[in-house]
Amino acid sequence: MFIIMNILMIQFNLRTAVFNSVLFDFDHPNYRLVQIASLAFTIVFGALCAYLGWLLSGRKNRNKGQWAVLCFLLNIWGLIFLIFLPPLEKAGPRHPT
């Protein structure tokens, strides 16, 4: 994924646009605002992924708390992994044979 992004940046000459943006210009008046917005987006997106992971893990009969934390940390990759996992069977009483 990183290699593809790097090739696209070189192909379309985006490297200069990214490194000359406000993200790396410490003297820009909106530098602090951009930092706060970027951090807020990261936290909100992680919380959204955690909530979706919590909902989806309930449908798949998996531990909701663990999957919420995993989806918060892994973001979209945790959700994709959870989507492709098969549902667990609910543990019921076992009869000795």
Protein backbone atom coordinates (compact mmCIF):
# COMPACT_ATOMS: atom_id res chain seq x y z
CA MET A 1 0.00 0.00 0.00
CA PHE A 2 2.82 2.39 0.92
CA ILE A 3 4.65 1.59 -2.31
CA ILE A 4 1.54 2.31 -4.39
CA MET A 5 1.00 5.63 -2.58
CA ASN A 6 4.64 6.56 -3.15
CA ILE A 7 4.43 5.71 -6.86
CA LEU A 8 1.26 7.80 -7.21
CA MET A 9 2.91 10.73 -5.42
CA ILE A 10 5.88 10.57 -7.78
CA GLN A 11 3.74 10.00 -10.89
CA PHE A 12 1.44 12.96 -10.28
CA ASN A 13 4.10 15.18 -8.69
CA LEU A 14 2.24 15.33 -5.37
CA ARG A 15 5.38 15.06 -3.25
CA THR A 16 6.04 18.80 -3.49
CA ALA A 17 2.40 19.65 -2.74
CA VAL A 18 2.35 17.48 0.37
CA PHE A 19 5.66 18.66 1.80
CA ASN A 20 4.91 22.30 1.07
CA SER A 21 1.48 22.09 2.70
CA VAL A 22 0.48 23.69 5.99
CA LEU A 23 1.19 20.41 7.81
CA PHE A 24 4.94 21.08 7.63
CA ASP A 25 4.94 24.89 7.71
CA PHE A 26 5.49 25.66 11.40
CA ASP A 27 5.20 29.43 10.86
CA HIS A 28 1.78 29.21 9.22
CA PRO A 29 -0.94 30.90 11.31
CA ASN A 30 -3.26 27.88 11.04
CA TYR A 31 -0.60 25.30 11.94
CA ARG A 32 -2.04 24.60 15.41
CA LEU A 33 -5.60 24.38 14.04
CA VAL A 34 -4.51 21.85 11.41
CA GLN A 35 -2.76 19.79 14.09
CA ILE A 36 -5.87 19.76 16.29
CA ALA A 37 -8.16 18.93 13.36
CA SER A 38 -5.90 16.08 12.28
CA LEU A 39 -5.79 14.65 15.81
CA ALA A 40 -9.56 15.04 16.21
CA PHE A 41 -10.20 13.26 12.91
CA THR A 42 -7.91 10.40 13.95
CA ILE A 43 -9.68 9.96 17.29
CA VAL A 44 -13.20 10.28 15.82
CA PHE A 45 -12.42 7.82 13.02
CA GLY A 46 -10.95 5.37 15.55
CA ALA A 47 -14.01 5.73 17.78
CA LEU A 48 -16.32 5.15 14.80
CA CYS A 49 -14.38 2.01 13.84
CA ALA A 50 -14.50 0.84 17.48
CA TYR A 51 -18.28 1.31 17.59
CA LEU A 52 -18.78 -0.52 14.29
CA GLY A 53 -16.48 -3.30 15.52
CA TRP A 54 -18.49 -3.54 18.74
CA LEU A 55 -21.74 -3.88 16.76
CA LEU A 56 -20.32 -6.35 14.26
CA SER A 57 -18.67 -8.52 16.92
CA GLY A 58 -22.03 -8.86 18.67
CA ARG A 59 -23.54 -10.24 15.48
CA LYS A 60 -20.62 -12.63 15.07
CA ASN A 61 -20.88 -13.85 18.71
CA ARG A 62 -17.40 -12.60 19.62
CA ASN A 63 -16.08 -10.62 22.57
CA LYS A 64 -17.36 -7.07 22.06
CA GLY A 65 -14.81 -5.29 24.24
CA GLN A 66 -11.77 -6.92 22.70
CA TRP A 67 -12.97 -6.30 19.18
CA ALA A 68 -13.83 -2.68 19.94
CA VAL A 69 -10.26 -2.09 21.15
CA LEU A 70 -8.80 -3.95 18.18
CA CYS A 71 -10.91 -1.98 15.71
CA PHE A 72 -9.92 1.29 17.42
CA LEU A 73 -6.25 0.44 17.05
CA LEU A 74 -6.39 -1.18 13.60
CA ASN A 75 -9.17 1.04 12.20
CA ILE A 76 -10.51 -0.17 8.87
CA TRP A 77 -8.20 -3.22 8.82
CA GLY A 78 -9.76 -4.54 12.03
CA LEU A 79 -13.23 -4.13 10.55
CA ILE A 80 -12.26 -5.89 7.34
CA PHE A 81 -10.74 -8.77 9.31
CA LEU A 82 -13.86 -9.02 11.48
CA ILE A 83 -16.17 -8.98 8.47
CA PHE A 84 -14.46 -12.01 6.94
CA LEU A 85 -14.36 -14.03 10.17
CA PRO A 86 -17.07 -16.67 10.42
CA PRO A 87 -19.54 -16.34 13.29
CA LEU A 88 -18.90 -18.41 16.41
CA GLU A 89 -21.52 -20.80 17.66
CA LYS A 90 -23.01 -19.87 20.99
CA ALA A 91 -21.85 -22.11 23.81
CA GLY A 92 -24.74 -24.21 25.01
CA PRO A 93 -25.07 -27.07 27.43
CA ARG A 94 -23.00 -30.05 26.37
CA HIS A 95 -24.31 -33.54 26.79
CA PRO A 96 -21.77 -36.20 27.64
CA THR A 97 -21.68 -38.98 25.12
